[in-house]
Structure formats: structure tokens, C-alpha cells
Amino acid sequence: MEKIKVIIADDSDFVRDGMRIILDVDEEFEVLGCAANGREAIALAQTTPPDIFLMDIQMPEMDGIEATRYIVEHNLGRVLILTTFDDDELVQQALQGGAKGYLVKNHTPEHLKQMIKSVYHGIGVMEENIFESLAGKADMAKSGFQGEGYTAREMDIIKAVAEGLSNREIAEKLFITEGTVKNYVTSILAKEQLSHRTALAVYYLTGRKPD
């Protein structure tokens, strides 16, 4: 079985070491290295490309937002943002830069591994607490999302994606096939010129499209 290769970028020794220990004991993962900032993470990736970056946002020299943009532009791997509960605006910036999702730092080991696997398999991930915060802001701001051109079924799909549901979960919720859900999501992403479902979720919740 091919291991999921990970680079951990966080300016906290405690966070880096903790995540490394969690992943090193699981045969499904291989930690290629740890970095204290985005610049170090990129340097590691240019030597040995990872599948996934676990990327803190606030770091010295090069923060996670700038690093994410560089990583996405140069196709160095997929980025899973590490965040705290008060990072909402920064999370949005990172997602607009191409991050595939975000993970609150007070996770359990199993949750960490599941989130990494989801991103590895191309599924954008959203933490429920941050989702609720973004949703609340969207309600207050009357989000700029333009839904007039969508059918009721398409809006059901978009809302379910924004809730962080997988294609399988959406299919079960709406009583349609998983293949039908996939076709809907692909069509909606193409219509909005978005590269992944997490960007769609953020656009729906905040009215902001990635650059």
C-alpha cells in the first residue's frame, strides 16, 4: 500500500512534534519532514514532493497564506490548513489561495488522519465549528452568492457541499445516486469556474470567489 506523504508546517514545536508522532505510528502515512514556516515547507517539498501539506496560517518569514498560494501555483501538493477558532478571515484567504480545507488544531488523532485522507482523495474538508461561524457571517452579510441561475435541486447540492457533506452523504440525504451528485458538483464548479468544492462552499457562505 502506497503511503500518504505529508509535510507538517507549524511554528510550534509542540504542534509539529505531536502531529509527527501521530502520523509516524500509522503505516498509512509517511512524514517527509517538518517546517517552522512556509519557506521551509516549500524547500522540503522541492526536494521530496508530498501529497499533503499540513499548513499553519500564522508563521514567521512566510505565512501559510503566502505559502499556500506558491504551493498551488507550482503544483507541489494539496494544502490542509491548520487553524484556531479565531482565524475565520485568514482561513478564507487561505482557501481563496487554493487550500483544500482546514483543520482545527484541537483535533483527535483519528480525526486528523481522516481529514488528511479526505483531502488526499480529492474531498475538500470543512470543520463544523468554522463552517457555523462562516455561515453566521454569511447570513449577516447577505452573501454575494448568485443563485438565481440554479434549479432547486442544484441549490440543494450547493448547500449540502457548503455543509461539508461528501458525495455519498449528499446522495443519501437527497435520495439520488452518488454518480448523479458527482455530475451536479462537476457542472456547478465548471459554471462558477471554481477548482474544488471547498471553494464553492466558501463562495456560497461568504460571496467571495477565489482569485
N, C-alpha and C. Protein backbone atom coordinates (compact mmCIF):
# COMPACT_ATOMS: atom_id res chain seq x y z
N MET A 1 0.84 -1.20 0.00
CA MET A 1 0.00 0.00 0.00
C MET A 1 0.87 1.25 0.00
N GLU A 2 0.56 2.17 -0.91
CA GLU A 2 1.32 3.40 -1.00
C GLU A 2 0.94 4.34 0.14
N LYS A 3 1.95 4.86 0.82
CA LYS A 3 1.69 5.74 1.95
C LYS A 3 1.36 7.16 1.48
N ILE A 4 0.58 7.86 2.30
CA ILE A 4 0.29 9.27 2.05
C ILE A 4 1.45 10.08 2.61
N LYS A 5 2.13 10.83 1.74
CA LYS A 5 3.32 11.58 2.15
C LYS A 5 2.91 12.97 2.63
N VAL A 6 3.40 13.35 3.80
CA VAL A 6 2.95 14.58 4.47
C VAL A 6 4.14 15.44 4.87
N ILE A 7 3.99 16.75 4.70
CA ILE A 7 4.91 17.73 5.28
C ILE A 7 4.11 18.56 6.28
N ILE A 8 4.65 18.74 7.48
CA ILE A 8 3.98 19.49 8.54
C ILE A 8 4.67 20.84 8.69
N ALA A 9 3.90 21.93 8.58
CA ALA A 9 4.46 23.28 8.72
C ALA A 9 3.72 24.02 9.83
N ASP A 10 4.43 24.28 10.92
CA ASP A 10 3.85 25.00 12.07
C ASP A 10 5.00 25.56 12.88
N ASP A 11 4.84 26.78 13.38
CA ASP A 11 5.95 27.38 14.13
C ASP A 11 5.99 26.91 15.58
N SER A 12 5.05 26.06 15.97
CA SER A 12 5.04 25.50 17.32
C SER A 12 5.70 24.12 17.32
N ASP A 13 6.77 23.97 18.09
CA ASP A 13 7.42 22.66 18.22
C ASP A 13 6.42 21.63 18.73
N PHE A 14 5.60 22.02 19.66
CA PHE A 14 4.63 21.10 20.27
C PHE A 14 3.66 20.55 19.23
N VAL A 15 3.13 21.43 18.38
CA VAL A 15 2.18 21.00 17.35
C VAL A 15 2.87 20.11 16.34
N ARG A 16 4.02 20.53 15.86
CA ARG A 16 4.74 19.73 14.87
C ARG A 16 5.07 18.34 15.39
N ASP A 17 5.65 18.30 16.59
CA ASP A 17 6.06 17.01 17.15
C ASP A 17 4.86 16.11 17.42
N GLY A 18 3.77 16.71 17.91
CA GLY A 18 2.58 15.92 18.21
C GLY A 18 2.00 15.28 16.96
N MET A 19 1.90 16.07 15.89
CA MET A 19 1.35 15.53 14.65
C MET A 19 2.28 14.49 14.04
N ARG A 20 3.55 14.75 14.14
CA ARG A 20 4.50 13.79 13.58
C ARG A 20 4.39 12.43 14.29
N ILE A 21 4.29 12.47 15.60
CA ILE A 21 4.17 11.22 16.37
C ILE A 21 2.89 10.48 15.98
N ILE A 22 1.78 11.22 15.86
CA ILE A 22 0.50 10.62 15.49
C ILE A 22 0.59 9.91 14.14
N LEU A 23 1.23 10.56 13.18
CA LEU A 23 1.28 10.00 11.82
C LEU A 23 2.36 8.94 11.66
N ASP A 24 3.47 9.10 12.37
CA ASP A 24 4.58 8.16 12.22
C ASP A 24 4.22 6.74 12.67
N VAL A 25 3.31 6.63 13.62
CA VAL A 25 2.95 5.30 14.13
C VAL A 25 1.89 4.61 13.28
N ASP A 26 1.42 5.28 12.23
CA ASP A 26 0.40 4.72 11.35
C ASP A 26 1.04 4.38 10.01
N GLU A 27 0.94 3.14 9.61
CA GLU A 27 1.61 2.68 8.39
C GLU A 27 1.01 3.27 7.11
N GLU A 28 -0.12 3.96 7.23
CA GLU A 28 -0.72 4.59 6.05
C GLU A 28 -0.08 5.92 5.70
N PHE A 29 0.75 6.46 6.61
CA PHE A 29 1.32 7.79 6.41
C PHE A 29 2.84 7.77 6.48
N GLU A 30 3.44 8.73 5.79
CA GLU A 30 4.89 8.95 5.88
C GLU A 30 5.13 10.45 6.01
N VAL A 31 5.73 10.87 7.12
CA VAL A 31 6.05 12.28 7.32
C VAL A 31 7.41 12.54 6.67
N LEU A 32 7.42 13.35 5.61
CA LEU A 32 8.66 13.64 4.89
C LEU A 32 9.54 14.62 5.65
N GLY A 33 8.91 15.47 6.48
CA GLY A 33 9.67 16.44 7.24
C GLY A 33 8.77 17.46 7.89
N CYS A 34 9.35 18.25 8.77
CA CYS A 34 8.62 19.31 9.47
C CYS A 34 9.29 20.65 9.21
N ALA A 35 8.49 21.71 9.17
CA ALA A 35 8.99 23.05 8.89
C ALA A 35 8.41 24.04 9.88
N ALA A 36 9.19 25.07 10.18
CA ALA A 36 8.74 26.10 11.12
C ALA A 36 8.08 27.28 10.42
N ASN A 37 8.10 27.29 9.08
CA ASN A 37 7.45 28.35 8.32
C ASN A 37 7.22 27.87 6.89
N GLY A 38 6.50 28.68 6.13
CA GLY A 38 6.16 28.28 4.77
C GLY A 38 7.36 28.11 3.86
N ARG A 39 8.36 28.95 4.05
CA ARG A 39 9.55 28.85 3.20
C ARG A 39 10.26 27.52 3.38
N GLU A 40 10.36 27.08 4.63
CA GLU A 40 10.99 25.79 4.90
C GLU A 40 10.16 24.64 4.32
N ALA A 41 8.84 24.76 4.39
CA ALA A 41 7.97 23.72 3.86
C ALA A 41 8.15 23.58 2.35
N ILE A 42 8.22 24.71 1.67
CA ILE A 42 8.41 24.70 0.21
C ILE A 42 9.76 24.09 -0.15
N ALA A 43 10.79 24.44 0.61
CA ALA A 43 12.12 23.88 0.35
C ALA A 43 12.12 22.36 0.51
N LEU A 44 11.42 21.87 1.54
CA LEU A 44 11.31 20.42 1.73
C LEU A 44 10.60 19.77 0.55
N ALA A 45 9.53 20.41 0.09
CA ALA A 45 8.73 19.85 -0.98
C ALA A 45 9.49 19.81 -2.30
N GLN A 46 10.37 20.76 -2.52
CA GLN A 46 11.13 20.78 -3.76
C GLN A 46 12.18 19.68 -3.79
N THR A 47 12.53 19.16 -2.62
CA THR A 47 13.44 18.02 -2.55
C THR A 47 12.69 16.71 -2.68
N THR A 48 11.63 16.56 -1.89
CA THR A 48 10.78 15.36 -1.92
C THR A 48 9.32 15.79 -1.91
N PRO A 49 8.64 15.76 -3.04
CA PRO A 49 7.26 16.24 -3.11
C PRO A 49 6.31 15.44 -2.22
N PRO A 50 5.48 16.12 -1.43
CA PRO A 50 4.48 15.43 -0.60
C PRO A 50 3.15 15.31 -1.33
N ASP A 51 2.25 14.54 -0.75
CA ASP A 51 0.87 14.55 -1.20
C ASP A 51 0.09 15.67 -0.52
N ILE A 52 0.37 15.83 0.78
CA ILE A 52 -0.39 16.77 1.61
C ILE A 52 0.56 17.63 2.45
N PHE A 53 0.25 18.93 2.50
CA PHE A 53 0.87 19.83 3.47
C PHE A 53 -0.11 20.08 4.60
N LEU A 54 0.31 19.91 5.85
CA LEU A 54 -0.45 20.41 6.99
C LEU A 54 0.14 21.78 7.30
N MET A 55 -0.62 22.83 7.04
CA MET A 55 -0.06 24.18 7.00
C MET A 55 -0.70 25.11 8.03
N ASP A 56 0.09 25.56 8.99
CA ASP A 56 -0.37 26.60 9.91
C ASP A 56 -0.52 27.91 9.13
N ILE A 57 -1.33 28.81 9.62
CA ILE A 57 -1.52 30.08 8.92
C ILE A 57 -0.49 31.12 9.36
N GLN A 58 -0.41 31.35 10.66
CA GLN A 58 0.44 32.42 11.17
C GLN A 58 1.82 31.88 11.55
N MET A 59 2.81 32.16 10.67
CA MET A 59 4.18 31.71 10.88
C MET A 59 5.13 32.83 10.46
N PRO A 60 6.35 32.86 11.00
CA PRO A 60 7.33 33.88 10.62
C PRO A 60 7.91 33.63 9.22
N GLU A 61 8.52 34.66 8.65
CA GLU A 61 9.21 34.61 7.36
C GLU A 61 8.26 34.46 6.19
N MET A 62 7.53 33.33 6.13
CA MET A 62 6.48 33.15 5.11
C MET A 62 5.30 32.47 5.77
N ASP A 63 4.14 33.15 5.80
CA ASP A 63 2.99 32.57 6.49
C ASP A 63 2.30 31.53 5.61
N GLY A 64 1.28 30.89 6.18
CA GLY A 64 0.61 29.81 5.48
C GLY A 64 -0.18 30.26 4.27
N ILE A 65 -0.66 31.49 4.27
CA ILE A 65 -1.43 32.00 3.14
C ILE A 65 -0.52 32.18 1.93
N GLU A 66 0.62 32.84 2.13
CA GLU A 66 1.57 33.04 1.04
C GLU A 66 2.13 31.70 0.55
N ALA A 67 2.44 30.82 1.50
CA ALA A 67 2.98 29.51 1.13
C ALA A 67 1.97 28.70 0.33
N THR A 68 0.71 28.76 0.74
CA THR A 68 -0.34 28.01 0.03
C THR A 68 -0.45 28.47 -1.41
N ARG A 69 -0.43 29.78 -1.62
CA ARG A 69 -0.51 30.30 -2.99
C ARG A 69 0.64 29.76 -3.84
N TYR A 70 1.85 29.78 -3.28
CA TYR A 70 3.02 29.31 -4.02
C TYR A 70 2.89 27.81 -4.32
N ILE A 71 2.49 27.05 -3.32
CA ILE A 71 2.36 25.60 -3.47
C ILE A 71 1.35 25.25 -4.55
N VAL A 72 0.21 25.94 -4.54
CA VAL A 72 -0.82 25.66 -5.53
C VAL A 72 -0.37 26.08 -6.92
N GLU A 73 0.24 27.25 -7.03
CA GLU A 73 0.70 27.75 -8.32
C GLU A 73 1.75 26.83 -8.95
N HIS A 74 2.58 26.21 -8.09
CA HIS A 74 3.66 25.37 -8.59
C HIS A 74 3.34 23.87 -8.47
N ASN A 75 2.09 23.56 -8.13
CA ASN A 75 1.61 22.18 -8.10
C ASN A 75 2.51 21.27 -7.25
N LEU A 76 2.80 21.73 -6.04
CA LEU A 76 3.69 20.97 -5.15
C LEU A 76 2.95 19.99 -4.24
N GLY A 77 1.63 20.07 -4.18
CA GLY A 77 0.86 19.20 -3.31
C GLY A 77 -0.44 19.88 -2.90
N ARG A 78 -1.25 19.18 -2.13
CA ARG A 78 -2.50 19.73 -1.63
C ARG A 78 -2.30 20.25 -0.21
N VAL A 79 -2.99 21.34 0.11
CA VAL A 79 -2.79 22.00 1.40
C VAL A 79 -4.02 21.84 2.28
N LEU A 80 -3.78 21.38 3.51
CA LEU A 80 -4.81 21.32 4.56
C LEU A 80 -4.39 22.31 5.63
N ILE A 81 -5.17 23.35 5.81
CA ILE A 81 -4.83 24.44 6.73
C ILE A 81 -5.08 24.03 8.18
N LEU A 82 -4.14 24.38 9.05
CA LEU A 82 -4.30 24.22 10.50
C LEU A 82 -4.74 25.56 11.06
N THR A 83 -5.80 25.56 11.85
CA THR A 83 -6.35 26.84 12.28
C THR A 83 -6.82 26.79 13.74
N THR A 84 -7.05 27.97 14.28
CA THR A 84 -7.68 28.12 15.59
C THR A 84 -9.06 28.72 15.37
N PHE A 85 -9.86 28.75 16.41
CA PHE A 85 -11.25 29.19 16.26
C PHE A 85 -11.40 30.65 15.85
N ASP A 86 -10.36 31.48 16.04
CA ASP A 86 -10.49 32.90 15.72
C ASP A 86 -9.79 33.27 14.42
N ASP A 87 -9.59 32.30 13.53
CA ASP A 87 -8.86 32.54 12.29
C ASP A 87 -9.77 32.65 11.07
N ASP A 88 -11.05 32.93 11.25
CA ASP A 88 -12.00 32.85 10.15
C ASP A 88 -11.55 33.61 8.90
N GLU A 89 -11.17 34.87 9.06
CA GLU A 89 -10.79 35.68 7.90
C GLU A 89 -9.55 35.12 7.22
N LEU A 90 -8.60 34.66 8.02
CA LEU A 90 -7.37 34.08 7.47
C LEU A 90 -7.66 32.76 6.76
N VAL A 91 -8.57 31.98 7.32
CA VAL A 91 -8.98 30.73 6.67
C VAL A 91 -9.55 31.03 5.28
N GLN A 92 -10.39 32.03 5.19
CA GLN A 92 -10.97 32.38 3.90
C GLN A 92 -9.89 32.76 2.90
N GLN A 93 -8.91 33.53 3.34
CA GLN A 93 -7.81 33.92 2.45
C GLN A 93 -7.03 32.70 1.97
N ALA A 94 -6.79 31.77 2.88
CA ALA A 94 -6.04 30.56 2.50
C ALA A 94 -6.84 29.72 1.51
N LEU A 95 -8.15 29.59 1.71
CA LEU A 95 -8.98 28.83 0.79
C LEU A 95 -9.03 29.51 -0.58
N GLN A 96 -9.07 30.82 -0.58
CA GLN A 96 -9.06 31.54 -1.85
C GLN A 96 -7.72 31.35 -2.56
N GLY A 97 -6.67 31.07 -1.79
CA GLY A 97 -5.36 30.81 -2.36
C GLY A 97 -5.20 29.38 -2.86
N GLY A 98 -6.19 28.53 -2.62
CA GLY A 98 -6.15 27.18 -3.16
C GLY A 98 -6.08 26.06 -2.16
N ALA A 99 -6.13 26.36 -0.85
CA ALA A 99 -6.14 25.29 0.15
C ALA A 99 -7.39 24.44 -0.03
N LYS A 100 -7.27 23.14 0.26
CA LYS A 100 -8.37 22.21 0.04
C LYS A 100 -9.27 22.04 1.25
N GLY A 101 -8.93 22.67 2.36
CA GLY A 101 -9.75 22.55 3.56
C GLY A 101 -9.00 23.04 4.77
N TYR A 102 -9.62 22.88 5.93
CA TYR A 102 -8.97 23.36 7.14
C TYR A 102 -9.34 22.48 8.33
N LEU A 103 -8.40 22.45 9.27
CA LEU A 103 -8.49 21.55 10.42
C LEU A 103 -8.22 22.35 11.69
N VAL A 104 -9.15 22.31 12.62
CA VAL A 104 -8.93 22.96 13.91
C VAL A 104 -7.89 22.17 14.70
N LYS A 105 -6.99 22.88 15.37
CA LYS A 105 -5.82 22.24 15.97
C LYS A 105 -6.15 21.31 17.13
N ASN A 106 -7.27 21.49 17.80
CA ASN A 106 -7.57 20.62 18.94
C ASN A 106 -8.30 19.36 18.49
N HIS A 107 -7.75 18.71 17.49
CA HIS A 107 -8.33 17.52 16.91
C HIS A 107 -7.94 16.26 17.68
N THR A 108 -8.65 15.18 17.41
CA THR A 108 -8.22 13.87 17.89
C THR A 108 -7.32 13.25 16.82
N PRO A 109 -6.46 12.31 17.18
CA PRO A 109 -5.60 11.67 16.18
C PRO A 109 -6.37 11.06 15.02
N GLU A 110 -7.48 10.39 15.31
CA GLU A 110 -8.25 9.76 14.24
C GLU A 110 -8.88 10.80 13.32
N HIS A 111 -9.32 11.91 13.90
CA HIS A 111 -9.91 12.96 13.08
C HIS A 111 -8.86 13.58 12.16
N LEU A 112 -7.68 13.82 12.69
CA LEU A 112 -6.57 14.34 11.88
C LEU A 112 -6.32 13.42 10.68
N LYS A 113 -6.21 12.13 10.94
CA LYS A 113 -5.90 11.18 9.87
C LYS A 113 -7.03 11.11 8.84
N GLN A 114 -8.27 11.17 9.30
CA GLN A 114 -9.40 11.12 8.38
C GLN A 114 -9.45 12.36 7.49
N MET A 115 -9.15 13.52 8.06
CA MET A 115 -9.15 14.75 7.28
C MET A 115 -8.06 14.70 6.21
N ILE A 116 -6.89 14.20 6.57
CA ILE A 116 -5.80 14.08 5.60
C ILE A 116 -6.21 13.14 4.48
N LYS A 117 -6.81 12.01 4.83
CA LYS A 117 -7.23 11.05 3.81
C LYS A 117 -8.28 11.68 2.88
N SER A 118 -9.19 12.45 3.42
CA SER A 118 -10.21 13.08 2.59
C SER A 118 -9.59 14.01 1.56
N VAL A 119 -8.67 14.85 2.01
CA VAL A 119 -8.00 15.78 1.09
C VAL A 119 -7.18 15.01 0.07
N TYR A 120 -6.51 13.96 0.50
CA TYR A 120 -5.71 13.12 -0.39
C TYR A 120 -6.58 12.54 -1.52
N HIS A 121 -7.80 12.19 -1.18
CA HIS A 121 -8.71 11.61 -2.17
C HIS A 121 -9.54 12.67 -2.91
N GLY A 122 -9.18 13.94 -2.74
CA GLY A 122 -9.80 15.00 -3.50
C GLY A 122 -11.06 15.57 -2.91
N ILE A 123 -11.33 15.29 -1.64
CA ILE A 123 -12.53 15.81 -0.98
C ILE A 123 -12.15 17.01 -0.12
N GLY A 124 -12.74 18.18 -0.41
CA GLY A 124 -12.50 19.34 0.43
C GLY A 124 -13.13 19.14 1.80
N VAL A 125 -12.46 19.58 2.85
CA VAL A 125 -12.96 19.36 4.20
C VAL A 125 -13.15 20.67 4.93
N MET A 126 -14.21 20.75 5.72
CA MET A 126 -14.54 21.94 6.48
C MET A 126 -14.90 21.54 7.90
N GLU A 127 -14.25 22.16 8.87
CA GLU A 127 -14.58 21.89 10.27
C GLU A 127 -15.95 22.48 10.60
N GLU A 128 -16.74 21.75 11.35
CA GLU A 128 -18.11 22.19 11.65
C GLU A 128 -18.14 23.53 12.37
N ASN A 129 -17.25 23.74 13.34
CA ASN A 129 -17.27 24.99 14.10
C ASN A 129 -16.97 26.20 13.22
N ILE A 130 -15.99 26.05 12.33
CA ILE A 130 -15.66 27.16 11.43
C ILE A 130 -16.76 27.34 10.41
N PHE A 131 -17.32 26.22 9.93
CA PHE A 131 -18.45 26.30 9.00
C PHE A 131 -19.58 27.13 9.60
N GLU A 132 -19.92 26.85 10.86
CA GLU A 132 -21.02 27.57 11.50
C GLU A 132 -20.70 29.06 11.62
N SER A 133 -19.44 29.37 11.90
CA SER A 133 -19.04 30.76 12.02
C SER A 133 -19.16 31.48 10.68
N LEU A 134 -18.67 30.82 9.61
CA LEU A 134 -18.77 31.41 8.28
C LEU A 134 -20.22 31.56 7.86
N ALA A 135 -21.02 30.55 8.18
CA ALA A 135 -22.44 30.60 7.82
C ALA A 135 -23.13 31.76 8.52
N GLY A 136 -22.79 31.98 9.78
CA GLY A 136 -23.37 33.08 10.52
C GLY A 136 -23.01 34.42 9.91
N LYS A 137 -21.75 34.54 9.50
CA LYS A 137 -21.31 35.79 8.86
C LYS A 137 -22.01 35.98 7.53
N ALA A 138 -22.21 34.88 6.81
CA ALA A 138 -22.89 34.98 5.52
C ALA A 138 -24.32 35.46 5.70
N ASP A 139 -25.00 34.95 6.72
CA ASP A 139 -26.37 35.38 6.99
C ASP A 139 -26.43 36.86 7.30
N MET A 140 -25.46 37.33 8.11
CA MET A 140 -25.46 38.74 8.50
C MET A 140 -25.12 39.65 7.32
N ALA A 141 -24.21 39.15 6.46
CA ALA A 141 -23.74 39.98 5.36
C ALA A 141 -24.60 39.85 4.10
N LYS A 142 -25.57 38.94 4.13
CA LYS A 142 -26.37 38.68 2.93
C LYS A 142 -25.43 38.35 1.78
N SER A 143 -24.84 37.20 1.86
CA SER A 143 -23.78 36.73 0.95
C SER A 143 -24.03 37.13 -0.50
N GLY A 144 -22.92 37.42 -1.21
CA GLY A 144 -22.99 37.82 -2.61
C GLY A 144 -23.15 36.66 -3.56
N PHE A 145 -23.38 35.47 -3.06
CA PHE A 145 -23.56 34.31 -3.93
C PHE A 145 -24.79 34.52 -4.81
N GLN A 146 -24.61 34.28 -6.12
CA GLN A 146 -25.70 34.48 -7.07
C GLN A 146 -26.34 33.13 -7.39
N GLY A 147 -27.51 32.87 -6.82
CA GLY A 147 -28.14 31.58 -7.01
C GLY A 147 -29.30 31.57 -7.98
N GLU A 148 -29.54 32.71 -8.64
CA GLU A 148 -30.73 32.80 -9.50
C GLU A 148 -30.68 31.83 -10.67
N GLY A 149 -29.49 31.50 -11.15
CA GLY A 149 -29.38 30.66 -12.34
C GLY A 149 -29.42 29.17 -12.06
N TYR A 150 -29.71 28.80 -10.82
CA TYR A 150 -29.69 27.39 -10.44
C TYR A 150 -31.10 26.85 -10.18
N THR A 151 -31.27 25.57 -10.47
CA THR A 151 -32.53 24.90 -10.13
C THR A 151 -32.56 24.62 -8.63
N ALA A 152 -33.74 24.23 -8.16
CA ALA A 152 -33.88 23.91 -6.73
C ALA A 152 -32.97 22.76 -6.35
N ARG A 153 -32.86 21.75 -7.23
CA ARG A 153 -32.00 20.60 -6.94
C ARG A 153 -30.53 21.02 -6.89
N GLU A 154 -30.12 21.88 -7.80
CA GLU A 154 -28.72 22.35 -7.79
C GLU A 154 -28.43 23.13 -6.51
N MET A 155 -29.40 23.92 -6.05
CA MET A 155 -29.19 24.67 -4.80
C MET A 155 -29.11 23.71 -3.62
N ASP A 156 -29.88 22.62 -3.66
CA ASP A 156 -29.77 21.61 -2.60
C ASP A 156 -28.35 21.05 -2.56
N ILE A 157 -27.79 20.79 -3.74
CA ILE A 157 -26.43 20.25 -3.83
C ILE A 157 -25.43 21.26 -3.29
N ILE A 158 -25.56 22.51 -3.70
CA ILE A 158 -24.63 23.56 -3.27
C ILE A 158 -24.67 23.72 -1.75
N LYS A 159 -25.86 23.76 -1.19
CA LYS A 159 -26.00 23.91 0.26
C LYS A 159 -25.39 22.72 0.99
N ALA A 160 -25.58 21.53 0.45
CA ALA A 160 -25.03 20.33 1.08
C ALA A 160 -23.50 20.33 1.03
N VAL A 161 -22.94 20.78 -0.10
CA VAL A 161 -21.49 20.92 -0.20
C VAL A 161 -20.99 21.91 0.84
N ALA A 162 -21.72 23.01 1.01
CA ALA A 162 -21.32 24.03 1.99
C ALA A 162 -21.41 23.51 3.42
N GLU A 163 -22.22 22.50 3.63
CA GLU A 163 -22.31 21.87 4.96
C GLU A 163 -21.16 20.90 5.20
N GLY A 164 -20.35 20.68 4.16
CA GLY A 164 -19.20 19.79 4.31
C GLY A 164 -19.52 18.33 4.05
N LEU A 165 -20.67 18.05 3.45
CA LEU A 165 -21.06 16.66 3.20
C LEU A 165 -20.30 16.09 2.00
N SER A 166 -19.99 14.81 2.06
CA SER A 166 -19.36 14.11 0.95
C SER A 166 -20.42 13.79 -0.10
N ASN A 167 -19.98 13.35 -1.29
CA ASN A 167 -20.95 12.96 -2.32
C ASN A 167 -21.87 11.85 -1.84
N ARG A 168 -21.31 10.89 -1.12
CA ARG A 168 -22.13 9.78 -0.61
C ARG A 168 -23.18 10.30 0.37
N GLU A 169 -22.77 11.19 1.26
CA GLU A 169 -23.71 11.75 2.25
C GLU A 169 -24.80 12.58 1.58
N ILE A 170 -24.41 13.33 0.55
CA ILE A 170 -25.40 14.13 -0.18
C ILE A 170 -26.40 13.22 -0.88
N ALA A 171 -25.88 12.15 -1.49
CA ALA A 171 -26.75 11.19 -2.19
C ALA A 171 -27.78 10.60 -1.23
N GLU A 172 -27.33 10.23 -0.03
CA GLU A 172 -28.24 9.65 0.96
C GLU A 172 -29.26 10.69 1.43
N LYS A 173 -28.81 11.92 1.60
CA LYS A 173 -29.70 12.97 2.08
C LYS A 173 -30.77 13.32 1.06
N LEU A 174 -30.40 13.34 -0.22
CA LEU A 174 -31.32 13.79 -1.27
C LEU A 174 -31.98 12.63 -2.03
N PHE A 175 -31.63 11.40 -1.65
CA PHE A 175 -32.22 10.21 -2.26
C PHE A 175 -31.94 10.14 -3.77
N ILE A 176 -30.68 10.42 -4.12
CA ILE A 176 -30.23 10.27 -5.50
C ILE A 176 -28.94 9.47 -5.48
N THR A 177 -28.44 9.11 -6.67
CA THR A 177 -27.23 8.30 -6.70
C THR A 177 -25.99 9.16 -6.48
N GLU A 178 -24.91 8.52 -6.03
CA GLU A 178 -23.65 9.23 -5.81
C GLU A 178 -23.10 9.76 -7.14
N GLY A 179 -23.31 8.99 -8.22
CA GLY A 179 -22.86 9.45 -9.54
C GLY A 179 -23.58 10.71 -9.98
N THR A 180 -24.88 10.80 -9.67
CA THR A 180 -25.65 12.00 -10.01
C THR A 180 -25.12 13.20 -9.23
N VAL A 181 -24.80 13.00 -7.97
CA VAL A 181 -24.24 14.09 -7.16
C VAL A 181 -22.93 14.57 -7.77
N LYS A 182 -22.07 13.61 -8.14
CA LYS A 182 -20.78 13.97 -8.72
C LYS A 182 -20.96 14.79 -9.99
N ASN A 183 -21.92 14.41 -10.82
CA ASN A 183 -22.18 15.15 -12.06
C ASN A 183 -22.66 16.57 -11.76
N TYR A 184 -23.54 16.70 -10.78
CA TYR A 184 -24.02 18.03 -10.38
C TYR A 184 -22.85 18.91 -9.91
N VAL A 185 -22.03 18.35 -9.01
CA VAL A 185 -20.92 19.13 -8.45
C VAL A 185 -19.95 19.55 -9.55
N THR A 186 -19.62 18.63 -10.44
CA THR A 186 -18.71 18.95 -11.55
C THR A 186 -19.27 20.07 -12.41
N SER A 187 -20.56 20.00 -12.71
CA SER A 187 -21.21 21.02 -13.54
C SER A 187 -21.22 22.38 -12.84
N ILE A 188 -21.52 22.39 -11.55
CA ILE A 188 -21.57 23.65 -10.80
C ILE A 188 -20.19 24.29 -10.70
N LEU A 189 -19.18 23.47 -10.43
CA LEU A 189 -17.81 24.00 -10.35
C LEU A 189 -17.39 24.62 -11.68
N ALA A 190 -17.75 23.94 -12.78
CA ALA A 190 -17.40 24.46 -14.10
C ALA A 190 -18.13 25.78 -14.37
N LYS A 191 -19.39 25.84 -13.99
CA LYS A 191 -20.19 27.05 -14.22
C LYS A 191 -19.61 28.25 -13.46
N GLU A 192 -19.16 28.00 -12.22
CA GLU A 192 -18.62 29.08 -11.40
C GLU A 192 -17.11 29.29 -11.61
N GLN A 193 -16.51 28.42 -12.45
CA GLN A 193 -15.06 28.47 -12.71
C GLN A 193 -14.28 28.35 -11.40
N LEU A 194 -14.68 27.35 -10.61
CA LEU A 194 -14.02 27.05 -9.35
C LEU A 194 -13.31 25.70 -9.47
N SER A 195 -12.18 25.56 -8.77
CA SER A 195 -11.36 24.37 -8.97
C SER A 195 -11.73 23.22 -8.03
N HIS A 196 -12.40 23.51 -6.91
CA HIS A 196 -12.74 22.43 -5.98
C HIS A 196 -13.93 22.82 -5.12
N ARG A 197 -14.50 21.83 -4.47
CA ARG A 197 -15.76 22.00 -3.75
C ARG A 197 -15.63 22.90 -2.52
N THR A 198 -14.47 22.94 -1.91
CA THR A 198 -14.31 23.83 -0.75
C THR A 198 -14.42 25.29 -1.18
N ALA A 199 -13.89 25.61 -2.35
CA ALA A 199 -14.03 26.97 -2.88
C ALA A 199 -15.49 27.30 -3.12
N LEU A 200 -16.26 26.31 -3.59
CA LEU A 200 -17.70 26.52 -3.79
C LEU A 200 -18.38 26.79 -2.45
N ALA A 201 -18.01 26.03 -1.43
CA ALA A 201 -18.61 26.23 -0.10
C ALA A 201 -18.33 27.63 0.42
N VAL A 202 -17.09 28.08 0.28
CA VAL A 202 -16.73 29.41 0.76
C VAL A 202 -17.47 30.48 -0.04
N TYR A 203 -17.58 30.28 -1.36
CA TYR A 203 -18.31 31.24 -2.19
C TYR A 203 -19.78 31.32 -1.75
N TYR A 204 -20.39 30.18 -1.49
CA TYR A 204 -21.79 30.17 -1.06
C TYR A 204 -21.95 30.86 0.29
N LEU A 205 -21.02 30.61 1.20
CA LEU A 205 -21.14 31.14 2.56
C LEU A 205 -20.76 32.61 2.67
N THR A 206 -19.82 33.06 1.84
CA THR A 206 -19.28 34.41 2.02
C THR A 206 -19.49 35.33 0.82
N GLY A 207 -19.84 34.77 -0.32
CA GLY A 207 -19.97 35.57 -1.51
C GLY A 207 -18.64 35.90 -2.17
N ARG A 208 -17.57 35.30 -1.67
CA ARG A 208 -16.23 35.56 -2.22
C ARG A 208 -15.78 34.41 -3.08
N LYS A 209 -15.37 34.71 -4.29
CA LYS A 209 -14.78 33.68 -5.16
C LYS A 209 -13.26 33.74 -5.04
N PRO A 210 -12.60 32.57 -5.20
CA PRO A 210 -11.14 32.58 -5.24
C PRO A 210 -10.64 33.44 -6.38
N ASP A 211 -9.46 34.00 -6.19
CA ASP A 211 -8.87 34.83 -7.26
C ASP A 211 -8.51 33.99 -8.46
